Amino acid sequence: MKRASGIMVPEIAGETTLTAKNQVSLPAKRMRELGWEKGDRLIVEVLSEDMLLLVRRPAHWTDAFAGRLTHVFGTHEENIEWIEGERASWTEEQAG
């Protein structure tokens, strides 16, 4: 992908042919550039009637997602503060 004005713009990696066994060969140069290797597992997502998306399956899902959802759950400190507030509310409910 190329970066244009801060936006990732896809670029054509090559062309291939679908075989009688529904197989395709991916352009070797691009696969090397991506670091994809023989035996890598690929997730296939259907985007439209004429478009598929290939994503290399992570070896470890936890490593792949580590740190990527911080905008959803907040910082570590914010999470600790929330948990402590929740725990405090339990003792307040029991006392009340």
C-alpha atoms as a PDB file:
ATOM      1  CA  MET A   1       0.000   0.000   0.000  1.00  0.00           C
ATOM      2  CA  LYS A   2       1.110   3.510  -0.706  1.00  0.00           C
ATOM      3  CA  ARG A   3       0.582   6.404   1.664  1.00  0.00           C
ATOM      4  CA  ALA A   4      -0.939   9.510   0.094  1.00  0.00           C
ATOM      5  CA  SER A   5      -1.751  12.495   2.317  1.00  0.00           C
ATOM      6  CA  GLY A   6      -1.797  10.217   5.374  1.00  0.00           C
ATOM      7  CA  ILE A   7      -4.242   7.786   3.764  1.00  0.00           C
ATOM      8  CA  MET A   8      -3.279   4.229   2.849  1.00  0.00           C
ATOM      9  CA  VAL A   9      -4.039   3.668  -0.834  1.00  0.00           C
ATOM     10  CA  PRO A  10      -4.093   0.088  -2.157  1.00  0.00           C
ATOM     11  CA  GLU A  11      -1.899  -0.732  -5.107  1.00  0.00           C
ATOM     12  CA  ILE A  12      -2.171  -3.589  -7.586  1.00  0.00           C
ATOM     13  CA  ALA A  13       0.162  -6.428  -6.579  1.00  0.00           C
ATOM     14  CA  GLY A  14      -0.161  -8.379  -9.815  1.00  0.00           C
ATOM     15  CA  GLU A  15      -2.607 -10.642 -11.600  1.00  0.00           C
ATOM     16  CA  THR A  16      -3.354 -14.346 -11.277  1.00  0.00           C
ATOM     17  CA  THR A  17      -5.705 -16.969 -12.716  1.00  0.00           C
ATOM     18  CA  LEU A  18      -8.202 -19.153 -10.894  1.00  0.00           C
ATOM     19  CA  THR A  19      -7.461 -22.815 -11.679  1.00  0.00           C
ATOM     20  CA  ALA A  20      -9.930 -25.660 -12.161  1.00  0.00           C
ATOM     21  CA  LYS A  21      -9.278 -26.596  -8.505  1.00  0.00           C
ATOM     22  CA  ASN A  22     -10.195 -23.056  -7.348  1.00  0.00           C
ATOM     23  CA  GLN A  23      -6.563 -22.269  -6.552  1.00  0.00           C
ATOM     24  CA  VAL A  24      -4.563 -19.122  -7.239  1.00  0.00           C
ATOM     25  CA  SER A  25      -0.858 -18.332  -7.127  1.00  0.00           C
ATOM     26  CA  LEU A  26      -0.022 -15.081  -5.388  1.00  0.00           C
ATOM     27  CA  PRO A  27       2.774 -12.847  -6.768  1.00  0.00           C
ATOM     28  CA  ALA A  28       6.013 -14.079  -5.160  1.00  0.00           C
ATOM     29  CA  LYS A  29       7.642 -10.646  -4.975  1.00  0.00           C
ATOM     30  CA  ARG A  30       4.718  -9.163  -3.050  1.00  0.00           C
ATOM     31  CA  MET A  31       4.526 -12.154  -0.720  1.00  0.00           C
ATOM     32  CA  ARG A  32       8.222 -11.729   0.112  1.00  0.00           C
ATOM     33  CA  GLU A  33       7.682  -7.998   0.702  1.00  0.00           C
ATOM     34  CA  LEU A  34       4.848  -8.803   3.112  1.00  0.00           C
ATOM     35  CA  GLY A  35       6.854 -11.508   4.854  1.00  0.00           C
ATOM     36  CA  TRP A  36       4.250 -14.153   4.016  1.00  0.00           C
ATOM     37  CA  GLU A  37       5.644 -17.676   3.770  1.00  0.00           C
ATOM     38  CA  LYS A  38       4.673 -21.137   2.588  1.00  0.00           C
ATOM     39  CA  GLY A  39       2.337 -22.685   5.139  1.00  0.00           C
ATOM     40  CA  ASP A  40       0.920 -19.390   6.449  1.00  0.00           C
ATOM     41  CA  ARG A  41      -2.801 -19.710   7.143  1.00  0.00           C
ATOM     42  CA  LEU A  42      -4.994 -17.114   5.426  1.00  0.00           C
ATOM     43  CA  ILE A  43      -8.412 -15.879   6.468  1.00  0.00           C
ATOM     44  CA  VAL A  44     -10.646 -15.245   3.454  1.00  0.00           C
ATOM     45  CA  GLU A  45     -13.311 -12.575   3.781  1.00  0.00           C
ATOM     46  CA  VAL A  46     -15.913 -11.873   1.088  1.00  0.00           C
ATOM     47  CA  LEU A  47     -16.202  -8.120   0.529  1.00  0.00           C
ATOM     48  CA  SER A  48     -18.528  -8.205  -2.474  1.00  0.00           C
ATOM     49  CA  GLU A  49     -19.598 -10.425  -5.364  1.00  0.00           C
ATOM     50  CA  ASP A  50     -16.298  -9.693  -7.136  1.00  0.00           C
ATOM     51  CA  MET A  51     -13.907  -9.117  -4.227  1.00  0.00           C
ATOM     52  CA  LEU A  52     -12.132 -11.217  -1.587  1.00  0.00           C
ATOM     53  CA  LEU A  53      -9.807 -10.053   1.145  1.00  0.00           C
ATOM     54  CA  LEU A  54      -6.910 -12.263   2.298  1.00  0.00           C
ATOM     55  CA  VAL A  55      -5.537 -11.709   5.799  1.00  0.00           C
ATOM     56  CA  ARG A  56      -2.655 -13.712   7.233  1.00  0.00           C
ATOM     57  CA  ARG A  57      -3.900 -15.517  10.321  1.00  0.00           C
ATOM     58  CA  PRO A  58      -1.877 -14.533  13.370  1.00  0.00           C
ATOM     59  CA  ALA A  59       0.173 -17.289  15.000  1.00  0.00           C
ATOM     60  CA  HIS A  60      -1.096 -16.015  18.367  1.00  0.00           C
ATOM     61  CA  TRP A  61      -4.338 -14.027  18.557  1.00  0.00           C
ATOM     62  CA  THR A  62      -3.369 -12.452  21.881  1.00  0.00           C
ATOM     63  CA  ASP A  63      -0.170 -11.033  20.393  1.00  0.00           C
ATOM     64  CA  ALA A  64      -2.045  -9.793  17.321  1.00  0.00           C
ATOM     65  CA  PHE A  65      -4.578  -7.813  19.368  1.00  0.00           C
ATOM     66  CA  ALA A  66      -2.366  -6.745  22.280  1.00  0.00           C
ATOM     67  CA  GLY A  67      -2.628  -2.991  22.690  1.00  0.00           C
ATOM     68  CA  ARG A  68      -4.998  -2.478  19.756  1.00  0.00           C
ATOM     69  CA  LEU A  69      -8.209  -1.872  21.702  1.00  0.00           C
ATOM     70  CA  THR A  70      -6.945   0.748  24.140  1.00  0.00           C
ATOM     71  CA  HIS A  71      -9.291   3.335  22.632  1.00  0.00           C
ATOM     72  CA  VAL A  72     -12.224   1.075  23.575  1.00  0.00           C
ATOM     73  CA  PHE A  73     -11.327   0.176  27.140  1.00  0.00           C
ATOM     74  CA  GLY A  74      -9.199   3.126  28.248  1.00  0.00           C
ATOM     75  CA  THR A  75      -5.785   3.125  29.815  1.00  0.00           C
ATOM     76  CA  HIS A  76      -4.591   0.632  32.406  1.00  0.00           C
ATOM     77  CA  GLU A  77      -4.946   3.285  35.115  1.00  0.00           C
ATOM     78  CA  GLU A  78      -8.522   4.097  34.023  1.00  0.00           C
ATOM     79  CA  ASN A  79      -9.427   0.397  34.118  1.00  0.00           C
ATOM     80  CA  ILE A  80      -7.971  -0.027  37.616  1.00  0.00           C
ATOM     81  CA  GLU A  81      -9.858   3.062  38.811  1.00  0.00           C
ATOM     82  CA  TRP A  82     -13.121   1.692  37.361  1.00  0.00           C
ATOM     83  CA  ILE A  83     -12.591  -1.745  38.964  1.00  0.00           C
ATOM     84  CA  GLU A  84     -11.853  -0.169  42.350  1.00  0.00           C
ATOM     85  CA  GLY A  85     -15.025   1.939  42.051  1.00  0.00           C
ATOM     86  CA  GLU A  86     -17.070  -1.151  41.223  1.00  0.00           C
ATOM     87  CA  ARG A  87     -15.630  -3.069  44.173  1.00  0.00           C
ATOM     88  CA  ALA A  88     -16.345  -0.138  46.478  1.00  0.00           C
ATOM     89  CA  SER A  89     -19.975  -0.111  45.318  1.00  0.00           C
ATOM     90  CA  TRP A  90     -20.332  -3.763  46.353  1.00  0.00           C
ATOM     91  CA  THR A  91     -19.403  -2.991  49.950  1.00  0.00           C
ATOM     92  CA  GLU A  92     -21.725   0.042  49.928  1.00  0.00           C
ATOM     93  CA  GLU A  93     -24.626  -2.143  48.718  1.00  0.00           C
ATOM     94  CA  GLN A  94     -23.966  -4.763  51.387  1.00  0.00           C
ATOM     95  CA  ALA A  95     -23.817  -2.115  54.122  1.00  0.00           C
ATOM     96  CA  GLY A  96     -26.963  -0.360  52.873  1.00  0.00           C
END
